PDB file of N, CA and C in Angstrom:
ATOM      1  N   MET A   1     -13.930  -8.152   3.398  1.00  0.00           N
ATOM      2  CA  MET A   1     -13.700  -6.944   3.257  1.00  0.00           C
ATOM      3  C   MET A   1     -12.559  -7.141   2.456  1.00  0.00           C
ATOM      4  N   SER A   2     -12.384  -5.525   1.949  1.00  0.00           N
ATOM      5  CA  SER A   2     -11.428  -5.522   0.949  1.00  0.00           C
ATOM      6  C   SER A   2     -10.624  -3.914   1.323  1.00  0.00           C
ATOM      7  N   TRP A   3      -9.545  -3.915   0.205  1.00  0.00           N
ATOM      8  CA  TRP A   3      -9.013  -2.358   0.416  1.00  0.00           C
ATOM      9  C   TRP A   3      -8.182  -2.015  -0.682  1.00  0.00           C
ATOM     10  N   SER A   4      -7.736  -1.298  -0.761  1.00  0.00           N
ATOM     11  CA  SER A   4      -7.131  -0.837  -1.958  1.00  0.00           C
ATOM     12  C   SER A   4      -5.978   0.573  -1.575  1.00  0.00           C
ATOM     13  N   PHE A   5      -4.842   0.830  -2.443  1.00  0.00           N
ATOM     14  CA  PHE A   5      -3.810   2.171  -2.074  1.00  0.00           C
ATOM     15  C   PHE A   5      -3.546   2.579  -3.443  1.00  0.00           C
ATOM     16  N   SER A   6      -3.995   3.130  -4.352  1.00  0.00           N
ATOM     17  CA  SER A   6      -2.797   3.505  -5.239  1.00  0.00           C
ATOM     18  C   SER A   6      -2.700   5.283  -5.602  1.00  0.00           C
ATOM     19  N   ALA A   7      -1.286   5.578  -6.193  1.00  0.00           N
ATOM     20  CA  ALA A   7      -1.074   6.580  -6.296  1.00  0.00           C
ATOM     21  C   ALA A   7       0.483   6.723  -7.296  1.00  0.00           C
ATOM     22  N   VAL A   8       0.408   7.926  -8.143  1.00  0.00           N
ATOM     23  CA  VAL A   8       1.232   8.161  -8.967  1.00  0.00           C
ATOM     24  C   VAL A   8       2.274   9.529  -8.368  1.00  0.00           C
ATOM     25  N   GLY A   9       3.232   9.913  -8.453  1.00  0.00           N
ATOM     26  CA  GLY A   9       3.815  11.090  -8.094  1.00  0.00           C
ATOM     27  C   GLY A   9       5.251  11.005  -7.376  1.00  0.00           C
ATOM     28  N   LYS A  10       5.741  11.725  -6.801  1.00  0.00           N
ATOM     29  CA  LYS A  10       6.948  11.906  -6.359  1.00  0.00           C
ATOM     30  C   LYS A  10       6.965  11.146  -4.662  1.00  0.00           C
ATOM     31  N   PRO A  11       8.026  10.745  -5.027  1.00  0.00           N
ATOM     32  CA  PRO A  11       8.134   9.762  -3.623  1.00  0.00           C
ATOM     33  C   PRO A  11       7.379  10.421  -2.302  1.00  0.00           C
ATOM     34  N   LYS A  12       8.076  11.523  -2.061  1.00  0.00           N
ATOM     35  CA  LYS A  12       7.337  12.177  -0.851  1.00  0.00           C
ATOM     36  C   LYS A  12       5.794  12.109  -0.830  1.00  0.00           C
ATOM     37  N   ALA A  13       5.575  13.096  -1.693  1.00  0.00           N
ATOM     38  CA  ALA A  13       4.016  13.343  -1.885  1.00  0.00           C
ATOM     39  C   ALA A  13       3.292  11.915  -2.002  1.00  0.00           C
ATOM     40  N   VAL A  14       3.807  10.697  -2.628  1.00  0.00           N
ATOM     41  CA  VAL A  14       3.319   9.471  -2.510  1.00  0.00           C
ATOM     42  C   VAL A  14       3.324   8.958  -1.209  1.00  0.00           C
ATOM     43  N   MET A  15       4.263   9.259  -0.110  1.00  0.00           N
ATOM     44  CA  MET A  15       4.569   8.765   1.098  1.00  0.00           C
ATOM     45  C   MET A  15       3.480   9.233   1.776  1.00  0.00           C
ATOM     46  N   ASP A  16       3.255  11.039   1.430  1.00  0.00           N
ATOM     47  CA  ASP A  16       2.497  11.285   2.735  1.00  0.00           C
ATOM     48  C   ASP A  16       0.876  11.085   2.185  1.00  0.00           C
ATOM     49  N   LYS A  17       0.719  10.868   1.196  1.00  0.00           N
ATOM     50  CA  LYS A  17      -0.511   9.913   0.750  1.00  0.00           C
ATOM     51  C   LYS A  17      -0.547   8.253   1.829  1.00  0.00           C
ATOM     52  N   ALA A  18       0.574   7.870   1.643  1.00  0.00           N
ATOM     53  CA  ALA A  18       0.243   6.855   2.005  1.00  0.00           C
ATOM     54  C   ALA A  18      -0.283   6.712   3.656  1.00  0.00           C
ATOM     55  N   ALA A  19       0.766   7.444   4.536  1.00  0.00           N
ATOM     56  CA  ALA A  19       0.660   7.861   5.551  1.00  0.00           C
ATOM     57  C   ALA A  19      -0.100   8.338   5.967  1.00  0.00           C
ATOM     58  N   ARG A  20      -1.304   9.110   5.165  1.00  0.00           N
ATOM     59  CA  ARG A  20      -2.597   9.549   5.735  1.00  0.00           C
ATOM     60  C   ARG A  20      -3.475   8.420   5.770  1.00  0.00           C
ATOM     61  N   GLU A  21      -3.227   7.768   4.872  1.00  0.00           N
ATOM     62  CA  GLU A  21      -4.336   6.773   4.770  1.00  0.00           C
ATOM     63  C   GLU A  21      -4.405   5.283   5.477  1.00  0.00           C
ATOM     64  N   MET A  22      -2.835   5.404   5.607  1.00  0.00           N
ATOM     65  CA  MET A  22      -2.695   4.177   6.795  1.00  0.00           C
ATOM     66  C   MET A  22      -3.283   4.028   8.013  1.00  0.00           C
ATOM     67  N   LEU A  23      -4.206   5.482   8.476  1.00  0.00           N
ATOM     68  CA  LEU A  23      -4.014   5.634   9.393  1.00  0.00           C
ATOM     69  C   LEU A  23      -5.822   5.237   9.561  1.00  0.00           C
ATOM     70  N   GLN A  24      -6.100   4.955   8.458  1.00  0.00           N
ATOM     71  CA  GLN A  24      -7.988   4.820   8.151  1.00  0.00           C
ATOM     72  C   GLN A  24      -7.979   3.424   8.187  1.00  0.00           C
ATOM     73  N   SER A  25      -8.333   2.714   9.029  1.00  0.00           N
ATOM     74  CA  SER A  25      -8.414   1.276   8.542  1.00  0.00           C
ATOM     75  C   SER A  25      -9.938   0.940   9.938  1.00  0.00           C
ATOM     76  N   THR A  26     -10.645   0.103   9.100  1.00  0.00           N
ATOM     77  CA  THR A  26     -11.886  -0.488   9.601  1.00  0.00           C
ATOM     78  C   THR A  26     -11.908  -2.111   9.725  1.00  0.00           C
ATOM     79  N   LEU A  27     -10.472  -2.462   9.601  1.00  0.00           N
ATOM     80  CA  LEU A  27     -10.625  -3.756   9.073  1.00  0.00           C
ATOM     81  C   LEU A  27     -10.358  -4.976  10.104  1.00  0.00           C
ATOM     82  N   MET A  28     -10.370  -6.262   9.995  1.00  0.00           N
ATOM     83  CA  MET A  28     -10.856  -7.561  10.480  1.00  0.00           C
ATOM     84  C   MET A  28      -9.324  -8.116  10.911  1.00  0.00           C
ATOM     85  N   GLU A  29      -8.989  -7.949  12.065  1.00  0.00           N
ATOM     86  CA  GLU A  29      -7.717  -9.036  11.836  1.00  0.00           C
ATOM     87  C   GLU A  29      -7.866 -10.781  11.097  1.00  0.00           C
ATOM     88  N   PRO A  30      -6.594 -11.161  10.587  1.00  0.00           N
ATOM     89  CA  PRO A  30      -5.161 -10.453  10.516  1.00  0.00           C
ATOM     90  C   PRO A  30      -5.492  -9.665   9.629  1.00  0.00           C
ATOM     91  N   GLU A  31      -6.433  -9.254   8.485  1.00  0.00           N
ATOM     92  CA  GLU A  31      -6.795  -8.357   7.183  1.00  0.00           C
ATOM     93  C   GLU A  31      -5.742  -7.081   7.873  1.00  0.00           C
ATOM     94  N   LYS A  32      -5.964  -6.179   8.723  1.00  0.00           N
ATOM     95  CA  LYS A  32      -5.693  -5.305   9.228  1.00  0.00           C
ATOM     96  C   LYS A  32      -3.990  -4.962   9.962  1.00  0.00           C
ATOM     97  N   THR A  33      -3.968  -6.215  10.023  1.00  0.00           N
ATOM     98  CA  THR A  33      -2.063  -6.028  10.108  1.00  0.00           C
ATOM     99  C   THR A  33      -1.519  -6.217   8.885  1.00  0.00           C
ATOM    100  N   ILE A  34      -2.114  -7.142   7.872  1.00  0.00           N
ATOM    101  CA  ILE A  34      -1.453  -6.948   7.119  1.00  0.00           C
ATOM    102  C   ILE A  34      -1.232  -5.707   5.713  1.00  0.00           C
ATOM    103  N   ARG A  35      -2.646  -4.930   6.045  1.00  0.00           N
ATOM    104  CA  ARG A  35      -2.587  -3.769   5.326  1.00  0.00           C
ATOM    105  C   ARG A  35      -1.256  -2.984   5.915  1.00  0.00           C
ATOM    106  N   GLN A  36      -1.187  -3.083   7.281  1.00  0.00           N
ATOM    107  CA  GLN A  36      -0.379  -1.983   7.791  1.00  0.00           C
ATOM    108  C   GLN A  36       0.988  -2.672   7.626  1.00  0.00           C
ATOM    109  N   ALA A  37       1.663  -4.015   7.274  1.00  0.00           N
ATOM    110  CA  ALA A  37       2.367  -4.073   6.999  1.00  0.00           C
ATOM    111  C   ALA A  37       2.791  -3.874   5.309  1.00  0.00           C
ATOM    112  N   VAL A  38       1.907  -4.031   4.925  1.00  0.00           N
ATOM    113  CA  VAL A  38       1.877  -3.136   3.273  1.00  0.00           C
ATOM    114  C   VAL A  38       2.494  -1.921   3.216  1.00  0.00           C
ATOM    115  N   PHE A  39       1.682  -1.398   4.419  1.00  0.00           N
ATOM    116  CA  PHE A  39       2.179   0.501   4.329  1.00  0.00           C
ATOM    117  C   PHE A  39       3.438   1.078   5.399  1.00  0.00           C
ATOM    118  N   ASP A  40       3.698   0.077   5.926  1.00  0.00           N
ATOM    119  CA  ASP A  40       5.344  -0.138   6.365  1.00  0.00           C
ATOM    120  C   ASP A  40       6.248  -0.211   5.197  1.00  0.00           C
ATOM    121  N   ILE A  41       5.983  -1.224   4.481  1.00  0.00           N
ATOM    122  CA  ILE A  41       7.239  -1.539   3.259  1.00  0.00           C
ATOM    123  C   ILE A  41       7.093  -0.432   2.444  1.00  0.00           C
ATOM    124  N   LEU A  42       5.269   0.162   2.022  1.00  0.00           N
ATOM    125  CA  LEU A  42       5.492   1.440   1.054  1.00  0.00           C
ATOM    126  C   LEU A  42       6.594   2.224   1.263  1.00  0.00           C
ATOM    127  N   ILE A  43       6.454   3.024   2.964  1.00  0.00           N
ATOM    128  CA  ILE A  43       7.140   4.072   3.424  1.00  0.00           C
ATOM    129  C   ILE A  43       8.615   3.756   3.368  1.00  0.00           C
ATOM    130  N   THR A  44       8.840   2.377   3.943  1.00  0.00           N
ATOM    131  CA  THR A  44      10.516   2.052   3.642  1.00  0.00           C
ATOM    132  C   THR A  44      11.022   2.389   2.501  1.00  0.00           C
ATOM    133  N   SER A  45      10.106   1.778   1.382  1.00  0.00           N
ATOM    134  CA  SER A  45      10.198   1.980   0.134  1.00  0.00           C
ATOM    135  C   SER A  45      10.421   3.193  -0.329  1.00  0.00           C
ATOM    136  N   LEU A  46       9.823   4.148  -0.444  1.00  0.00           N
ATOM    137  CA  LEU A  46       9.293   5.418  -1.201  1.00  0.00           C
ATOM    138  C   LEU A  46      10.670   6.618  -0.028  1.00  0.00           C
ATOM    139  N   SER A  47      10.857   6.070   1.275  1.00  0.00           N
ATOM    140  CA  SER A  47      11.849   6.585   1.792  1.00  0.00           C
ATOM    141  C   SER A  47      13.293   6.540   1.059  1.00  0.00           C
ATOM    142  N   SER A  48      13.469   5.701   0.517  1.00  0.00           N
ATOM    143  CA  SER A  48      15.201   5.368  -0.208  1.00  0.00           C
ATOM    144  C   SER A  48      15.126   5.973  -1.668  1.00  0.00           C
ATOM    145  N   MET A  49      14.123   6.278  -2.172  1.00  0.00           N
ATOM    146  CA  MET A  49      13.635   6.701  -3.699  1.00  0.00           C
ATOM    147  C   MET A  49      14.063   8.452  -3.502  1.00  0.00           C
ATOM    148  N   PRO A  50      15.238   8.395  -4.804  1.00  0.00           N
ATOM    149  CA  PRO A  50      15.472   9.946  -4.946  1.00  0.00           C
ATOM    150  C   PRO A  50      14.424  11.041  -4.716  1.00  0.00           C
ATOM    151  N   ASP A  51      14.517  12.119  -4.110  1.00  0.00           N
ATOM    152  CA  ASP A  51      13.264  13.269  -4.442  1.00  0.00           C
ATOM    153  C   ASP A  51      12.732  13.257  -5.578  1.00  0.00           C
ATOM    154  N   ASP A  52      14.244  13.624  -6.713  1.00  0.00           N
ATOM    155  CA  ASP A  52      13.157  13.954  -8.145  1.00  0.00           C
ATOM    156  C   ASP A  52      12.911  12.952  -9.027  1.00  0.00           C
ATOM    157  N   SER A  53      12.507  11.541  -8.120  1.00  0.00           N
ATOM    158  CA  SER A  53      12.188  10.364  -9.481  1.00  0.00           C
ATOM    159  C   SER A  53      10.591  10.464  -9.088  1.00  0.00           C
ATOM    160  N   ALA A  54       9.868   9.562  -9.962  1.00  0.00           N
ATOM    161  CA  ALA A  54       8.531   9.503  -9.485  1.00  0.00           C
ATOM    162  C   ALA A  54       8.561   7.985  -9.572  1.00  0.00           C
ATOM    163  N   VAL A  55       6.979   7.365  -8.962  1.00  0.00           N
ATOM    164  CA  VAL A  55       6.698   6.297  -8.623  1.00  0.00           C
ATOM    165  C   VAL A  55       5.246   5.869  -9.318  1.00  0.00           C
ATOM    166  N   LYS A  56       5.177   4.668  -9.369  1.00  0.00           N
ATOM    167  CA  LYS A  56       3.566   4.336  -9.300  1.00  0.00           C
ATOM    168  C   LYS A  56       3.095   3.080  -8.251  1.00  0.00           C
ATOM    169  N   ILE A  57       2.392   3.032  -7.585  1.00  0.00           N
ATOM    170  CA  ILE A  57       1.938   2.806  -6.320  1.00  0.00           C
ATOM    171  C   ILE A  57       0.928   1.769  -6.587  1.00  0.00           C
ATOM    172  N   GLU A  58       0.720   0.767  -6.068  1.00  0.00           N
ATOM    173  CA  GLU A  58      -0.969  -0.047  -6.762  1.00  0.00           C
ATOM    174  C   GLU A  58      -0.668  -1.423  -6.075  1.00  0.00           C
ATOM    175  N   THR A  59      -1.945  -1.256  -4.534  1.00  0.00           N
ATOM    176  CA  THR A  59      -1.577  -2.090  -3.729  1.00  0.00           C
ATOM    177  C   THR A  59      -3.674  -2.764  -3.398  1.00  0.00           C
ATOM    178  N   ASN A  60      -3.310  -3.821  -3.339  1.00  0.00           N
ATOM    179  CA  ASN A  60      -4.948  -4.209  -2.477  1.00  0.00           C
ATOM    180  C   ASN A  60      -4.925  -5.782  -2.306  1.00  0.00           C
ATOM    181  N   GLY A  61      -5.685  -5.988  -1.066  1.00  0.00           N
ATOM    182  CA  GLY A  61      -5.801  -7.004  -0.576  1.00  0.00           C
ATOM    183  C   GLY A  61      -7.495  -7.079  -0.206  1.00  0.00           C
ATOM    184  N   SER A  62      -8.142  -8.960   0.046  1.00  0.00           N
ATOM    185  CA  SER A  62      -9.175  -9.000   0.643  1.00  0.00           C
ATOM    186  C   SER A  62      -8.953 -10.121   1.464  1.00  0.00           C
ATOM    187  N   GLN A  63      -9.975  -9.892   2.241  1.00  0.00           N
ATOM    188  CA  GLN A  63     -10.140 -11.197   3.457  1.00  0.00           C
ATOM    189  C   GLN A  63     -11.507 -11.798   3.424  1.00  0.00           C
ATOM    190  N   TRP A  64     -11.425 -13.241   3.128  1.00  0.00           N
ATOM    191  CA  TRP A  64     -12.834 -13.811   3.592  1.00  0.00           C
ATOM    192  C   TRP A  64     -12.471 -15.185   4.630  1.00  0.00           C
ATOM    193  N   LYS A  65     -13.780 -14.980   5.365  1.00  0.00           N
ATOM    194  CA  LYS A  65     -13.572 -15.844   6.522  1.00  0.00           C
ATOM    195  C   LYS A  65     -14.590 -17.077   6.394  1.00  0.00           C
ATOM    196  N   ARG A  66     -14.412 -18.428   6.463  1.00  0.00           N
ATOM    197  CA  ARG A  66     -14.462 -19.664   6.425  1.00  0.00           C
ATOM    198  C   ARG A  66     -15.076 -19.997   7.138  1.00  0.00           C
ATOM    199  N   ASP A  67     -16.157 -20.426   7.416  1.00  0.00           N
ATOM    200  CA  ASP A  67     -17.288 -21.328   8.440  1.00  0.00           C
ATOM    201  C   ASP A  67     -16.517 -21.373   9.909  1.00  0.00           C
ATOM    202  N   ASP A  68     -15.585 -21.963   9.532  1.00  0.00           N
ATOM    203  CA  ASP A  68     -14.398 -22.414  10.824  1.00  0.00           C
ATOM    204  C   ASP A  68     -13.759 -21.144  11.563  1.00  0.00           C
ATOM    205  N   GLY A  69     -13.805 -20.205  10.982  1.00  0.00           N
ATOM    206  CA  GLY A  69     -13.717 -18.684  11.419  1.00  0.00           C
ATOM    207  C   GLY A  69     -12.120 -18.490  10.781  1.00  0.00           C
ATOM    208  N   THR A  70     -11.654 -19.516  10.234  1.00  0.00           N
ATOM    209  CA  THR A  70      -9.955 -18.955   9.714  1.00  0.00           C
ATOM    210  C   THR A  70     -10.280 -17.926   8.801  1.00  0.00           C
ATOM    211  N   ALA A  71      -9.091 -17.502   7.993  1.00  0.00           N
ATOM    212  CA  ALA A  71      -8.905 -16.394   6.916  1.00  0.00           C
ATOM    213  C   ALA A  71      -8.344 -16.620   6.267  1.00  0.00           C
ATOM    214  N   LEU A  72      -8.971 -16.687   4.915  1.00  0.00           N
ATOM    215  CA  LEU A  72      -7.922 -16.515   3.506  1.00  0.00           C
ATOM    216  C   LEU A  72      -7.869 -15.320   3.335  1.00  0.00           C
ATOM    217  N   ASN A  73      -6.578 -14.774   2.901  1.00  0.00           N
ATOM    218  CA  ASN A  73      -5.842 -13.294   2.573  1.00  0.00           C
ATOM    219  C   ASN A  73      -5.455 -13.478   0.947  1.00  0.00           C
ATOM    220  N   ASN A  74      -6.284 -12.428   0.188  1.00  0.00           N
ATOM    221  CA  ASN A  74      -5.122 -11.728  -1.453  1.00  0.00           C
ATOM    222  C   ASN A  74      -4.504 -10.801  -0.882  1.00  0.00           C
ATOM    223  N   LEU A  75      -3.296 -10.313  -1.768  1.00  0.00           N
ATOM    224  CA  LEU A  75      -2.798  -9.879  -1.264  1.00  0.00           C
ATOM    225  C   LEU A  75      -1.735  -9.316  -2.582  1.00  0.00           C
ATOM    226  N   SER A  76      -1.757  -8.017  -3.494  1.00  0.00           N
ATOM    227  CA  SER A  76      -1.061  -7.962  -4.047  1.00  0.00           C
ATOM    228  C   SER A  76      -0.226  -6.567  -3.876  1.00  0.00           C
ATOM    229  N   VAL A  77       0.795  -6.275  -4.136  1.00  0.00           N
ATOM    230  CA  VAL A  77       1.740  -5.234  -4.178  1.00  0.00           C
ATOM    231  C   VAL A  77       2.228  -4.775  -5.367  1.00  0.00           C
ATOM    232  N   LYS A  78       2.517  -3.471  -5.810  1.00  0.00           N
ATOM    233  CA  LYS A  78       3.292  -3.721  -6.837  1.00  0.00           C
ATOM    234  C   LYS A  78       3.971  -1.685  -6.850  1.00  0.00           C
ATOM    235  N   ILE A  79       5.097  -1.634  -6.743  1.00  0.00           N
ATOM    236  CA  ILE A  79       5.968  -0.709  -6.526  1.00  0.00           C
ATOM    237  C   ILE A  79       6.743  -0.462  -7.540  1.00  0.00           C
ATOM    238  N   GLU A  80       6.557   0.402  -8.915  1.00  0.00           N
ATOM    239  CA  GLU A  80       6.858   0.689  -9.556  1.00  0.00           C
ATOM    240  C   GLU A  80       7.838   1.985 -10.319  1.00  0.00           C
ATOM    241  N   PRO A  81       9.019   2.397 -10.321  1.00  0.00           N
ATOM    242  CA  PRO A  81       9.307   3.121 -10.567  1.00  0.00           C
ATOM    243  C   PRO A  81       9.370   3.968 -12.393  1.00  0.00           C
ATOM    244  N   LEU A  82       9.075   5.342 -12.863  1.00  0.00           N
ATOM    245  CA  LEU A  82       8.427   5.688 -13.453  1.00  0.00           C
ATOM    246  C   LEU A  82       9.751   6.621 -14.260  1.00  0.00           C
ATOM    247  N   TYR A  83      10.529   5.483 -15.112  1.00  0.00           N
ATOM    248  CA  TYR A  83      11.641   6.088 -15.620  1.00  0.00           C
ATOM    249  C   TYR A  83      11.342   7.301 -16.755  1.00  0.00           C
ATOM    250  N   GLY A  84      12.023   7.981 -16.794  1.00  0.00           N
ATOM    251  CA  GLY A  84      11.931   9.261 -17.776  1.00  0.00           C
ATOM    252  C   GLY A  84      10.574   9.992 -17.620  1.00  0.00           C
ATOM    253  N   PHE A  85      10.140  10.244 -16.649  1.00  0.00           N
ATOM    254  CA  PHE A  85       9.364  10.821 -16.282  1.00  0.00           C
ATOM    255  C   PHE A  85       9.741  12.435 -16.390  1.00  0.00           C
ATOM    256  N   VAL A  86       8.575  13.175 -17.162  1.00  0.00           N
ATOM    257  CA  VAL A  86       9.187  14.897 -17.225  1.00  0.00           C
ATOM    258  C   VAL A  86       8.082  15.497 -16.511  1.00  0.00           C
ATOM    259  N   GLU A  87       8.751  16.401 -15.874  1.00  0.00           N
ATOM    260  CA  GLU A  87       7.583  17.677 -14.677  1.00  0.00           C
ATOM    261  C   GLU A  87       7.442  18.854 -15.876  1.00  0.00           C
TER     262      GLU A  87
END
């Protein structure tokens, strides 16, 4: 299975979008818990940013189950403040 989340904007708007998407999950464990931890990190990071700043978020993950039932997970998280953002 795989998942992704991306957004560009002011921290509050991106945080609101992340909070809505955080509730949507049909993933299997441990991928579901990993994704939840990523969203918790995003919320923590975004809530500490100045309101008048801008940010670009890119996250994704995927999970493979091996024949023995163990899981392999791939994860990428990028939080990039956008300097010089003009409204």
